Protein backbone atom coordinates (compact mmCIF):
# COMPACT_ATOMS: atom_id res chain seq x y z
CA UNK A 1 -13.60 -11.54 -82.00
CA UNK A 2 -14.89 -14.98 -81.16
CA UNK A 3 -16.08 -15.67 -77.61
CA UNK A 4 -13.49 -17.40 -75.50
CA UNK A 5 -14.60 -20.52 -73.68
CA UNK A 6 -12.04 -22.00 -71.28
CA UNK A 7 -11.26 -25.59 -71.98
CA UNK A 8 -12.05 -28.31 -69.46
CA UNK A 9 -8.31 -28.77 -69.07
CA UNK A 10 -7.87 -25.11 -68.09
CA UNK A 11 -10.74 -25.34 -65.65
CA UNK A 12 -9.20 -28.44 -64.07
CA UNK A 13 -5.84 -26.66 -63.83
CA UNK A 14 -7.39 -23.68 -62.05
CA UNK A 15 -9.24 -26.02 -59.71
CA UNK A 16 -5.98 -27.79 -58.89
CA UNK A 17 -4.29 -24.45 -58.17
CA UNK A 18 -7.20 -23.41 -55.94
CA UNK A 19 -7.00 -26.67 -54.01
CA UNK A 20 -3.23 -26.30 -53.63
CA UNK A 21 -3.66 -22.71 -52.48
CA UNK A 22 -6.38 -23.76 -50.05
CA UNK A 23 -4.19 -26.49 -48.57
CA UNK A 24 -1.25 -24.08 -48.30
CA UNK A 25 -3.45 -21.52 -46.56
CA UNK A 26 -4.84 -24.16 -44.18
CA UNK A 27 -1.28 -25.27 -43.33
CA UNK A 28 -0.29 -21.65 -42.76
CA UNK A 29 -3.36 -21.18 -40.58
CA UNK A 30 -2.37 -24.17 -38.48
CA UNK A 31 1.06 -22.61 -38.07
CA UNK A 32 -0.58 -19.33 -37.10
CA UNK A 33 -2.63 -21.09 -34.41
CA UNK A 34 0.47 -22.81 -33.03
CA UNK A 35 2.35 -19.48 -33.00
CA UNK A 36 -0.50 -17.78 -31.13
CA UNK A 37 -0.52 -20.53 -28.52
CA UNK A 38 3.27 -20.25 -28.11
CA UNK A 39 3.31 -16.46 -27.84
CA UNK A 40 0.29 -16.41 -25.56
CA UNK A 41 -3.38 -15.61 -25.91
CA UNK A 42 -4.67 -12.11 -25.13
CA UNK A 43 -6.22 -11.95 -21.69
CA UNK A 44 -8.61 -9.59 -19.98
CA UNK A 45 -7.69 -8.09 -16.63
CA UNK A 46 -10.27 -10.03 -14.67
CA UNK A 47 -12.03 -12.84 -16.56
CA UNK A 48 -11.94 -16.28 -15.06
CA UNK A 49 -10.50 -19.67 -16.06
CA UNK A 50 -12.90 -20.23 -18.98
CA UNK A 51 -11.32 -17.43 -21.02
CA UNK A 52 -8.38 -19.48 -22.32
CA UNK A 53 -10.39 -22.63 -23.22
CA UNK A 54 -12.93 -20.49 -25.12
CA UNK A 55 -10.18 -18.84 -27.15
CA UNK A 56 -8.54 -22.18 -27.90
CA UNK A 57 -11.95 -23.51 -28.94
CA UNK A 58 -12.44 -20.60 -31.34
CA UNK A 59 -8.99 -21.14 -32.84
CA UNK A 60 -9.91 -24.78 -33.33
CA UNK A 61 -13.18 -23.74 -34.94
CA UNK A 62 -11.20 -21.71 -37.46
CA UNK A 63 -9.19 -24.76 -38.44
CA UNK A 64 -12.37 -26.81 -38.69
CA UNK A 65 -13.95 -24.12 -40.87
CA UNK A 66 -10.98 -24.19 -43.20
CA UNK A 67 -11.25 -27.96 -43.47
CA UNK A 68 -15.02 -27.83 -44.06
CA UNK A 69 -14.45 -25.44 -46.97
CA UNK A 70 -12.95 -28.35 -48.95
CA UNK A 71 -16.38 -29.92 -49.02
CA UNK A 72 -18.71 -26.94 -48.67
CA UNK A 73 -17.45 -23.44 -49.41
CA UNK A 74 -20.41 -21.57 -47.88
CA UNK A 75 -20.49 -23.60 -44.64
CA UNK A 76 -16.72 -23.37 -44.18
CA UNK A 77 -16.83 -19.66 -44.92
CA UNK A 78 -19.59 -19.02 -42.39
CA UNK A 79 -17.70 -20.95 -39.69
CA UNK A 80 -14.56 -18.91 -40.42
CA UNK A 81 -16.38 -15.57 -40.38
CA UNK A 82 -18.20 -16.29 -37.13
CA UNK A 83 -15.00 -17.60 -35.55
CA UNK A 84 -13.05 -14.56 -36.73
CA UNK A 85 -15.57 -12.09 -35.31
CA UNK A 86 -15.69 -13.94 -31.98
CA UNK A 87 -11.89 -14.07 -31.83
CA UNK A 88 -11.70 -10.38 -32.70
CA UNK A 89 -14.00 -9.54 -29.82
CA UNK A 90 -11.92 -11.65 -27.43
CA UNK A 91 -8.65 -10.20 -28.74
CA UNK A 92 -10.02 -6.76 -27.89
CA UNK A 93 -9.76 -7.83 -24.26
CA UNK A 94 -6.14 -6.76 -24.62
CA UNK A 95 -5.78 -4.89 -27.94
CA UNK A 96 -7.65 -1.96 -29.55
CA UNK A 97 -10.50 -3.27 -31.77
CA UNK A 98 -8.85 -2.43 -35.13
CA UNK A 99 -5.62 -4.16 -34.10
CA UNK A 100 -7.60 -7.09 -32.70
CA UNK A 101 -9.35 -7.68 -36.03
CA UNK A 102 -6.07 -7.36 -37.93
CA UNK A 103 -4.72 -10.11 -35.68
CA UNK A 104 -7.51 -12.46 -36.80
CA UNK A 105 -7.25 -11.59 -40.50
CA UNK A 106 -6.04 -15.13 -41.37
CA UNK A 107 -9.55 -16.30 -40.42
CA UNK A 108 -11.55 -13.28 -41.43
CA UNK A 109 -10.26 -12.62 -44.97
CA UNK A 110 -10.62 -16.13 -46.46
CA UNK A 111 -13.90 -16.72 -44.61
CA UNK A 112 -15.32 -13.55 -46.08
CA UNK A 113 -14.00 -14.50 -49.52
CA UNK A 114 -15.65 -17.92 -49.33
CA UNK A 115 -19.00 -16.42 -48.35
CA UNK A 116 -18.72 -13.73 -51.04
CA UNK A 117 -17.93 -16.34 -53.70
CA UNK A 118 -20.98 -18.32 -52.69
CA UNK A 119 -23.20 -15.19 -52.69
CA UNK A 120 -22.26 -14.41 -56.31
CA UNK A 121 -23.76 -17.66 -57.52
CA UNK A 122 -26.70 -17.79 -55.12
CA UNK A 123 -30.32 -16.85 -55.78
CA UNK A 124 -31.10 -13.11 -55.40
CA UNK A 125 -33.13 -13.58 -52.21
CA UNK A 126 -30.35 -15.66 -50.64
CA UNK A 127 -27.77 -13.10 -51.75
CA UNK A 128 -29.62 -10.26 -50.02
CA UNK A 129 -30.17 -12.32 -46.86
CA UNK A 130 -26.53 -13.41 -46.64
CA UNK A 131 -25.30 -9.87 -47.30
CA UNK A 132 -27.49 -8.48 -44.53
CA UNK A 133 -26.28 -11.17 -42.13
CA UNK A 134 -22.65 -10.34 -42.93
CA UNK A 135 -23.17 -6.60 -42.42
CA UNK A 136 -24.97 -7.17 -39.10
CA UNK A 137 -22.27 -9.59 -38.00
CA UNK A 138 -19.43 -7.19 -38.85
CA UNK A 139 -21.17 -4.19 -37.26
CA UNK A 140 -22.13 -6.17 -34.17
CA UNK A 141 -18.64 -7.56 -33.83
CA UNK A 142 -17.12 -4.10 -34.11
CA UNK A 143 -19.52 -2.68 -31.52
CA UNK A 144 -18.90 -5.61 -29.16
CA UNK A 145 -15.13 -5.30 -29.55
CA UNK A 146 -15.23 -1.58 -28.78
CA UNK A 147 -17.48 -2.12 -25.77
CA UNK A 148 -15.30 -4.91 -24.38
CA UNK A 149 -12.07 -2.95 -24.86
CA UNK A 150 -13.52 0.19 -23.27
CA UNK A 151 -14.82 -1.81 -20.31
CA UNK A 152 -11.46 -3.35 -19.48
CA UNK A 153 -9.10 -0.60 -20.63
CA UNK A 154 -11.07 2.61 -20.92
CA UNK A 155 -11.61 5.32 -18.34
CA UNK A 156 -14.22 4.40 -15.75
CA UNK A 157 -14.81 7.94 -14.46
CA UNK A 158 -14.11 11.51 -15.66
CA UNK A 159 -10.54 12.18 -16.65
CA UNK A 160 -8.42 15.08 -15.45
CA UNK A 161 -8.01 18.06 -17.76
CA UNK A 162 -4.64 18.91 -16.25
CA UNK A 163 -2.14 19.67 -18.99
CA UNK A 164 1.12 17.77 -19.16
CA UNK A 165 4.23 19.63 -18.04
CA UNK A 166 6.81 20.64 -20.60
CA UNK A 167 9.52 18.12 -21.37
CA UNK A 168 12.55 18.40 -19.13
CA UNK A 169 15.55 16.45 -17.94
CA UNK A 170 13.37 14.63 -15.38
CA UNK A 171 10.72 12.22 -16.71
CA UNK A 172 9.08 11.52 -13.35
CA UNK A 173 9.80 11.76 -9.64
CA UNK A 174 8.11 10.50 -6.48
CA UNK A 175 8.95 10.11 -2.80
CA UNK A 176 8.27 7.85 0.15
CA UNK A 177 10.03 6.18 3.05
CA UNK A 178 9.27 9.15 5.29
CA UNK A 179 10.43 9.01 8.92
CA UNK A 180 11.28 11.76 11.43
CA UNK A 181 14.76 12.17 9.93
CA UNK A 182 14.80 10.46 6.54
CA UNK A 183 12.99 9.95 3.25
CA UNK A 184 13.50 8.40 -0.17
CA UNK A 185 13.18 10.15 -3.53
CA UNK A 186 13.35 8.28 -6.84
CA UNK A 187 13.54 10.02 -10.24
CA UNK A 188 14.01 9.05 -13.87
CA UNK A 189 16.42 10.96 -16.10
CA UNK A 190 18.64 10.05 -19.04
CA UNK A 191 20.65 6.88 -18.32
CA UNK A 192 24.11 7.64 -17.02
CA UNK A 193 23.31 11.24 -16.01
CA UNK A 194 25.08 12.65 -12.96
CA UNK A 195 22.36 13.74 -10.56
CA UNK A 196 21.99 15.44 -7.19
CA UNK A 197 18.93 16.17 -5.07
CA UNK A 198 18.69 19.70 -3.75
CA UNK A 199 16.32 20.38 -0.85
CA UNK A 200 14.86 23.47 0.76
CA UNK A 201 15.39 24.22 3.57
CA UNK A 202 18.92 23.02 2.92
CA UNK A 203 19.73 21.96 6.47
CA UNK A 204 20.81 18.46 5.42
CA UNK A 205 21.30 18.47 1.65
CA UNK A 206 22.24 18.32 -1.10
CA UNK A 207 22.24 14.54 -1.65
CA UNK A 208 24.38 12.79 -4.19
CA UNK A 209 25.93 12.75 -6.64
CA UNK A 210 24.13 9.68 -7.99
CA UNK A 211 24.75 8.25 -11.45
CA UNK A 212 21.45 7.23 -13.03
CA UNK A 213 21.35 3.51 -13.86
CA UNK A 214 20.80 1.89 -17.25
CA UNK A 215 17.10 2.76 -17.19
CA UNK A 216 17.76 6.31 -16.02
CA UNK A 217 16.62 5.71 -12.44
CA UNK A 218 18.34 7.74 -9.72
CA UNK A 219 17.58 6.90 -6.09
CA UNK A 220 18.28 9.32 -3.26
CA UNK A 221 18.27 8.15 0.37
CA UNK A 222 17.78 11.32 2.38
CA UNK A 223 19.09 11.48 5.94
CA UNK A 224 19.74 14.03 8.68
CA UNK A 225 16.35 15.64 8.06
CA UNK A 226 14.43 17.47 10.80
CA UNK A 227 11.22 16.02 12.28
CA UNK A 228 7.84 17.50 11.30
CA UNK A 229 9.38 19.63 8.56
CA UNK A 230 8.09 20.36 5.06
CA UNK A 231 10.71 20.14 2.31
CA UNK A 232 10.78 21.13 -1.34
CA UNK A 233 13.17 19.17 -3.55
CA UNK A 234 14.70 19.70 -6.98
CA UNK A 235 16.60 17.17 -9.08
CA UNK A 236 19.83 18.50 -10.55
CA UNK A 237 20.83 16.73 -13.78
CA UNK A 238 24.40 17.15 -15.08
CA UNK A 239 24.75 20.39 -13.13
CA UNK A 240 21.39 21.93 -14.20
CA UNK A 241 18.42 22.27 -11.82
CA UNK A 242 15.18 20.88 -13.20
CA UNK A 243 12.57 23.37 -12.04
CA UNK A 244 9.80 21.78 -14.16
CA UNK A 245 9.26 18.66 -12.05
CA UNK A 246 9.96 19.69 -8.48
CA UNK A 247 8.51 17.87 -5.52
CA UNK A 248 7.59 18.21 -1.88
CA UNK A 249 7.41 15.98 1.18
CA UNK A 250 7.12 16.35 4.92
CA UNK A 251 8.84 14.37 7.63
CA UNK A 252 6.92 13.04 10.61
CA UNK A 253 7.59 12.58 14.33
CA UNK A 254 7.45 9.84 16.92
CA UNK A 255 5.57 12.17 19.24
CA UNK A 256 1.77 12.36 19.26
CA UNK A 257 0.63 13.99 16.04
CA UNK A 258 -2.60 14.33 14.10
CA UNK A 259 -2.49 13.54 10.39
CA UNK A 260 -4.33 11.89 7.53
CA UNK A 261 -3.48 9.28 4.93
CA UNK A 262 -5.26 8.59 1.67
CA UNK A 263 -5.65 5.10 0.26
CA UNK A 264 -6.67 3.65 -3.08
CA UNK A 265 -6.10 0.80 -5.49
CA UNK A 266 -7.03 -0.54 -8.89
CA UNK A 267 -6.30 1.98 -11.65
CA UNK A 268 -6.35 1.18 -15.35
CA UNK A 269 -2.97 1.35 -17.07
CA UNK A 270 -1.97 4.97 -17.77
CA UNK A 271 -4.95 6.31 -15.82
CA UNK A 272 -5.31 10.08 -15.62
CA UNK A 273 -8.54 10.21 -13.63
CA UNK A 274 -10.01 13.05 -11.60
CA UNK A 275 -9.67 10.85 -8.53
CA UNK A 276 -5.96 11.72 -8.36
CA UNK A 277 -6.87 15.41 -8.25
CA UNK A 278 -9.27 14.78 -5.36
CA UNK A 279 -6.61 12.92 -3.38
CA UNK A 280 -4.02 15.65 -3.94
CA UNK A 281 -6.45 18.38 -2.89
CA UNK A 282 -7.05 16.58 0.43
CA UNK A 283 -3.34 17.14 1.25
CA UNK A 284 -2.75 13.84 3.09
CA UNK A 285 0.55 13.12 4.80
CA UNK A 286 0.81 9.90 2.81
CA UNK A 287 -0.90 8.09 -0.06
CA UNK A 288 -1.22 4.32 0.40
CA UNK A 289 -1.39 2.54 -2.97
CA UNK A 290 -2.77 -0.85 -2.02
CA UNK A 291 -2.25 -2.70 -5.28
CA UNK A 292 -2.94 -2.67 -9.00
CA UNK A 293 -1.35 0.69 -9.77
CA UNK A 294 -1.73 -0.54 -13.35
CA UNK A 295 -3.39 -3.47 -15.12
CA UNK A 296 -0.44 -4.75 -17.11
CA UNK A 297 -1.20 -8.40 -16.29
CA UNK A 298 2.32 -9.33 -17.38
CA UNK A 299 2.92 -13.04 -16.95
CA UNK A 300 6.34 -12.85 -18.61
CA UNK A 301 9.53 -12.48 -16.61
CA UNK A 302 10.62 -9.34 -18.46
CA UNK A 303 11.48 -6.38 -16.19
CA UNK A 304 11.12 -3.98 -19.15
CA UNK A 305 7.35 -4.62 -19.21
CA UNK A 306 6.96 -3.58 -15.59
CA UNK A 307 9.21 -0.55 -16.03
CA UNK A 308 7.17 0.58 -19.03
CA UNK A 309 3.87 0.24 -17.15
CA UNK A 310 5.18 2.20 -14.16
CA UNK A 311 6.68 4.85 -16.45
CA UNK A 312 3.27 5.30 -18.07
CA UNK A 313 1.52 5.60 -14.70
CA UNK A 314 4.09 8.01 -13.26
CA UNK A 315 4.02 10.40 -16.22
CA UNK A 316 0.27 10.97 -16.60
CA UNK A 317 -0.47 14.60 -15.56
CA UNK A 318 -2.89 14.01 -12.66
CA UNK A 319 -1.15 11.12 -10.86
CA UNK A 320 2.26 12.69 -11.54
CA UNK A 321 1.13 15.89 -9.80
CA UNK A 322 -0.10 13.82 -6.85
CA UNK A 323 3.12 11.81 -6.58
CA UNK A 324 5.27 14.95 -6.70
CA UNK A 325 3.36 16.53 -3.81
CA UNK A 326 2.45 13.60 -1.54
CA UNK A 327 4.81 10.79 -0.42
CA UNK A 328 3.58 7.29 -1.23
CA UNK A 329 3.65 3.79 0.18
CA UNK A 330 2.99 1.21 -2.53
CA UNK A 331 2.44 -2.54 -2.50
CA UNK A 332 1.42 -4.50 -5.58
CA UNK A 333 -1.47 -6.92 -5.93
CA UNK A 334 -2.18 -9.39 -8.73
CA UNK A 335 -2.56 -7.27 -11.89
CA UNK A 336 0.66 -5.31 -11.31
CA UNK A 337 2.48 -8.44 -10.08
CA UNK A 338 1.49 -10.90 -12.81
CA UNK A 339 -1.77 -12.10 -14.28
CA UNK A 340 -5.16 -12.22 -12.63
CA UNK A 341 -4.94 -13.96 -9.22
CA UNK A 342 -1.15 -14.35 -9.61
CA UNK A 343 0.83 -16.25 -6.99
CA UNK A 344 4.44 -17.17 -6.21
CA UNK A 345 4.62 -19.50 -9.22
CA UNK A 346 4.12 -16.65 -11.69
CA UNK A 347 7.07 -16.29 -14.12
CA UNK A 348 6.77 -12.55 -13.51
CA UNK A 349 7.87 -12.83 -9.88
CA UNK A 350 11.62 -12.12 -10.29
CA UNK A 351 10.93 -9.25 -12.69
CA UNK A 352 8.48 -7.35 -10.49
CA UNK A 353 10.59 -7.83 -7.37
CA UNK A 354 13.58 -6.40 -9.26
CA UNK A 355 11.66 -3.43 -10.63
CA UNK A 356 9.94 -2.74 -7.30
CA UNK A 357 13.27 -2.42 -5.53
CA UNK A 358 14.57 -0.22 -8.35
CA UNK A 359 11.58 2.14 -8.79
CA UNK A 360 9.70 2.35 -5.51
CA UNK A 361 10.60 4.66 -2.59
CA UNK A 362 9.99 2.04 0.10
CA UNK A 363 10.23 1.88 3.89
CA UNK A 364 12.95 -0.73 4.22
CA UNK A 365 12.11 -3.98 2.44
CA UNK A 366 14.22 -7.12 3.00
CA UNK A 367 17.65 -6.89 1.34
CA UNK A 368 17.34 -10.34 -0.22
CA UNK A 369 16.28 -9.53 -3.83
CA UNK A 370 14.18 -12.70 -3.90
CA UNK A 371 12.25 -11.90 -0.72
CA UNK A 372 8.73 -10.43 -0.57
CA UNK A 373 8.61 -6.66 -0.10
CA UNK A 374 6.91 -6.42 3.31
CA UNK A 375 7.74 -3.31 5.36
CA UNK A 376 6.73 -1.28 8.43
CA UNK A 377 7.16 2.26 9.79
CA UNK A 378 5.57 4.69 12.23
CA UNK A 379 3.88 8.07 11.96
CA UNK A 380 3.39 9.61 15.37
CA UNK A 381 2.13 6.82 17.60
CA UNK A 382 0.57 4.85 14.73
CA UNK A 383 2.40 1.81 13.34
CA UNK A 384 1.91 0.97 9.64
CA UNK A 385 2.46 -2.64 8.56
CA UNK A 386 2.38 -3.58 4.86
CA UNK A 387 2.15 -7.23 3.81
CA UNK A 388 3.01 -8.62 0.38
CA UNK A 389 0.27 -11.14 -0.40
CA UNK A 390 1.58 -12.28 -3.80
CA UNK A 391 5.30 -13.09 -3.73
CA UNK A 392 5.14 -16.14 -1.46
CA UNK A 393 1.50 -17.19 -1.71
CA UNK A 394 0.46 -20.75 -2.49
CA UNK A 395 -1.69 -21.34 -5.57
CA UNK A 396 -5.33 -20.66 -4.79
CA UNK A 397 -6.22 -24.10 -6.13
CA UNK A 398 -4.28 -25.83 -3.33
CA UNK A 399 -6.51 -27.44 -0.70
CA UNK A 400 -6.88 -25.28 2.38
CA UNK A 401 -4.84 -26.39 5.36
CA UNK A 402 -1.70 -25.67 7.41
CA UNK A 403 0.56 -25.76 4.35
CA UNK A 404 -1.46 -23.29 2.29
CA UNK A 405 -0.22 -19.76 2.79
CA UNK A 406 -0.79 -16.27 1.50
CA UNK A 407 2.21 -14.75 3.27
CA UNK A 408 4.86 -17.46 3.45
CA UNK A 409 6.48 -18.61 6.69
CA UNK A 410 9.10 -15.86 6.92
CA UNK A 411 6.72 -12.98 6.30
CA UNK A 412 4.10 -14.45 8.63
CA UNK A 413 6.62 -14.67 11.46
CA UNK A 414 7.64 -11.06 10.74
CA UNK A 415 3.98 -9.96 10.78
CA UNK A 416 3.37 -11.58 14.15
CA UNK A 417 6.49 -9.95 15.59
CA UNK A 418 5.41 -6.54 14.28
CA UNK A 419 1.89 -6.93 15.65
CA UNK A 420 3.23 -7.97 19.03
CA UNK A 421 5.74 -5.10 19.19
CA UNK A 422 3.01 -2.56 18.38
CA UNK A 423 0.30 -4.19 20.50
CA UNK A 424 -0.10 -1.17 22.82
CA UNK A 425 -0.85 1.35 20.08
CA UNK A 426 -2.87 1.82 16.90
CA UNK A 427 -1.83 -0.39 13.98
CA UNK A 428 -2.72 0.15 10.33
CA UNK A 429 -2.37 -3.20 8.59
CA UNK A 430 -2.20 -2.66 4.84
CA UNK A 431 -3.47 -5.95 3.41
CA UNK A 432 -4.30 -5.68 -0.32
CA UNK A 433 -6.97 -8.39 -0.59
CA UNK A 434 -10.33 -8.89 1.19
CA UNK A 435 -10.14 -10.37 4.68
CA UNK A 436 -13.88 -10.83 5.25
CA UNK A 437 -15.67 -13.61 3.43
CA UNK A 438 -17.17 -17.03 3.91
CA UNK A 439 -14.74 -19.89 3.30
CA UNK A 440 -14.62 -20.78 -0.38
CA UNK A 441 -12.31 -23.29 -2.04
CA UNK A 442 -10.19 -21.66 -4.73
CA UNK A 443 -10.93 -18.08 -3.66
CA UNK A 444 -8.16 -15.55 -4.32
CA UNK A 445 -9.03 -13.70 -1.09
CA UNK A 446 -8.49 -14.77 2.52
CA UNK A 447 -11.70 -16.81 2.10
CA UNK A 448 -9.55 -19.34 0.26
CA UNK A 449 -6.80 -19.30 2.92
CA UNK A 450 -8.95 -19.76 6.01
CA UNK A 451 -6.52 -21.89 8.04
CA UNK A 452 -3.86 -19.17 7.90
CA UNK A 453 -6.50 -16.49 8.48
CA UNK A 454 -7.64 -18.24 11.66
CA UNK A 455 -4.03 -18.70 12.78
CA UNK A 456 -3.37 -14.96 12.52
CA UNK A 457 -6.72 -14.12 14.17
CA UNK A 458 -5.96 -16.47 17.05
CA UNK A 459 -2.57 -14.80 17.49
CA UNK A 460 -4.24 -11.37 17.63
CA UNK A 461 -6.79 -12.59 20.18
CA UNK A 462 -4.27 -14.44 22.35
CA UNK A 463 -2.08 -11.33 22.64
CA UNK A 464 -4.92 -8.85 23.21
CA UNK A 465 -3.97 -6.77 20.17
CA UNK A 466 -7.03 -4.55 19.96
CA UNK A 467 -5.83 -1.47 18.06
CA UNK A 468 -5.82 -2.73 14.46
CA UNK A 469 -7.39 -1.00 11.49
CA UNK A 470 -7.06 -2.87 8.18
CA UNK A 471 -6.81 -1.04 4.86
CA UNK A 472 -7.50 -3.14 1.77
CA UNK A 473 -8.03 -2.80 -1.98
CA UNK A 474 -8.55 -5.34 -4.77
CA UNK A 475 -12.37 -5.29 -4.64
CA UNK A 476 -13.66 -2.38 -6.74
CA UNK A 477 -15.68 -0.82 -3.96
CA UNK A 478 -15.72 1.39 -0.93
CA UNK A 479 -16.67 -0.78 2.05
CA UNK A 480 -16.35 -0.42 5.82
CA UNK A 481 -16.79 -2.95 8.59
CA UNK A 482 -16.72 -1.90 12.25
CA UNK A 483 -15.26 -5.23 13.36
CA UNK A 484 -18.55 -7.07 13.55
CA UNK A 485 -17.67 -9.43 10.69
CA UNK A 486 -13.86 -9.52 10.74
CA UNK A 487 -13.26 -11.86 13.70
CA UNK A 488 -12.03 -15.31 12.63
CA UNK A 489 -10.47 -16.36 15.93
CA UNK A 490 -11.70 -19.39 17.82
CA UNK A 491 -12.18 -17.26 20.95
CA UNK A 492 -14.11 -14.56 19.04
CA UNK A 493 -11.78 -11.87 20.34
CA UNK A 494 -10.02 -10.54 17.22
CA UNK A 495 -12.45 -8.30 15.37
CA UNK A 496 -11.13 -5.01 13.99
CA UNK A 497 -12.36 -2.23 11.67
CA UNK A 498 -11.68 -2.58 7.95
CA UNK A 499 -11.91 -0.12 5.08
CA UNK A 500 -11.72 -1.07 1.40
CA UNK A 501 -10.65 1.71 -0.97
CA UNK A 502 -11.18 1.07 -4.69
CA UNK A 503 -11.50 1.40 -7.59
CA UNK A 504 -9.35 4.39 -8.52
CA UNK A 505 -10.18 3.96 -12.20
CA UNK A 506 -11.74 0.58 -12.96
CA UNK A 507 -15.35 -0.60 -13.28
CA UNK A 508 -17.10 -1.22 -9.96
CA UNK A 509 -17.55 -4.59 -8.30
CA UNK A 510 -17.79 -6.26 -4.88
CA UNK A 511 -16.00 -9.06 -3.07
CA UNK A 512 -16.32 -10.63 0.32
CA UNK A 513 -18.49 -9.33 3.09
CA UNK A 514 -20.81 -8.73 4.73
CA UNK A 515 -19.67 -5.24 5.76
CA UNK A 516 -21.45 -3.55 8.66
CA UNK A 517 -21.49 -0.14 6.99
CA UNK A 518 -22.22 -1.47 3.51
CA UNK A 519 -20.32 -1.79 0.22
CA UNK A 520 -20.36 0.81 -2.56
CA UNK A 521 -19.03 -0.48 -5.88
CA UNK A 522 -17.80 2.10 -8.35
CA UNK A 523 -14.93 3.91 -10.02
CA UNK A 524 -13.08 7.08 -9.08
CA UNK A 525 -13.14 6.02 -5.40
CA UNK A 526 -10.62 6.36 -2.57
CA UNK A 527 -10.39 6.63 1.20
CA UNK A 528 -9.25 9.29 3.61
CA UNK A 529 -8.21 8.07 7.06
CA UNK A 530 -7.73 10.78 9.67
CA UNK A 531 -5.92 10.25 12.98
CA UNK A 532 -6.53 12.75 15.77
CA UNK A 533 -4.02 12.34 18.60
CA UNK A 534 -3.95 14.76 21.53
CA UNK A 535 -1.51 12.62 23.49
CA UNK A 536 -4.16 10.84 25.57
CA UNK A 537 -4.94 7.18 26.05
CA UNK A 538 -6.81 6.88 22.76
CA UNK A 539 -6.51 8.08 19.17
CA UNK A 540 -9.61 8.95 17.18
CA UNK A 541 -9.62 7.37 13.72
CA UNK A 542 -12.09 8.58 11.09
CA UNK A 543 -12.58 6.25 8.13
CA UNK A 544 -14.08 7.99 5.10
CA UNK A 545 -14.82 6.41 1.73
CA UNK A 546 -15.10 9.02 -1.02
CA UNK A 547 -15.63 9.46 -4.74
CA UNK A 548 -13.72 11.51 -7.31
CA UNK A 549 -15.58 14.69 -6.36
CA UNK A 550 -14.50 14.33 -2.73
CA UNK A 551 -18.04 13.45 -1.64
CA UNK A 552 -18.20 10.99 1.26
CA UNK A 553 -20.00 7.76 0.44
CA UNK A 554 -19.67 6.16 3.86
CA UNK A 555 -17.83 6.88 7.09
CA UNK A 556 -17.04 5.43 10.50
CA UNK A 557 -15.28 6.87 13.55
CA UNK A 558 -13.52 4.59 16.05
CA UNK A 559 -11.39 5.09 19.13
CA UNK A 560 -8.20 3.04 19.33
CA UNK A 561 -6.02 2.58 22.41
CA UNK A 562 -2.65 4.36 22.44
CA UNK A 563 0.24 4.11 24.84
């Protein structure tokens, strides 16, 4: 058979088809870029403002690489491959590495094809060099993507080996809102199920029936309970007791009592760390979750996203065991409210406020569904005050001054009233973000809201409120200050002890300071705060920052006035 040599006409036809295909692909790529920008770029939990511009720049580089390929196939291909690998690494800030690289296939596949086509016709030495570069680039990109994803989404300390409970009619259950005669229990079952809550001893129950809502959430407001009494509770679903996921709680008293509370914040989404085992084994009266119970970073106003993230957190074996045995008090911070450093302008605001009121066993938040979820209650002679620092806060980029607020006018007035009413006794102010720090424009902490910080400090000093202990999270560290650095009043009369308790299961880091007792960044960390009250004029408060083994990292004991 004679050799076949394509005619010049056929070659020109193929070239035309290639150019048409290239233009079609470039147009499709432009559409892909527009779609990505509309749907939203993947974001890390904590990176700063340069993250979005860098990603947009890399998307633009991909378009430029496609255009360059019209003139120079190898140069355009190299630009596309480098851009694809960089985008894949950045996409792994949110997605698993394999999924991240699939997402950038429109850049990666043609770029690789262009480079491969050039290699085929290149000199042997150039072919080997280019092949080695591609292999190193792919391997390095894969390693970087895995490292980045593990850093922001992987476990930061040893995980619990507790086995999951068998499936049952109850998906999860937790309690809170404990007072001398009441409590709140919230459970998830099949939507529409008829539920009751059975308690032992049965001096006040059962409670219900309650029909589970459209998401299967059943809320029980317990009343007529006895003070200082331990209760076991069981959820009954459609007439059948669920003995798989039973819970326990204990009421408190208004009389002098000694007790402890645990505190912690900042856990990766779906965390199952050993730190939850350590907290449960300490048997605190209450567990204060001071923000970032998950790192969803949802900026969309979709309640389903927040429900899904809480469902995942509440069903992991170790935290689920903790929540079934210890009542909680939970306030969100930025990552479980919206995106990093979220404020009142976040589109997520209505969604999280709705889901919070649906899912969380609270201590009496404002009835207005649009209001922040601040709340207060007492255990013995200690008053607990929880402030919501996200729902009504001004953007951090606003200039500092009288109009810039972290709390909003209504909540700030409420806080002052609560502080004044409890001025004669110990006060635990649960404030999620760092209080101590040198003034800094644009800071997400109180260092960026210094006018309001000074206003509150001046109020504390003017009214001689000297029994405050602040519990904070946000910063991924254990840190304690004895009051030396926390006074921002003009009279220098408003210093109080502070303990930071984080990170439950996130990489370590520090914010603010200085702290008199030091700062200890790390993961698997929490705090145990013990109150010893013998009915005298003071209450002894022991602040203890611990790790996931229960080992104390730092401690401080203070005496607070009590009346």
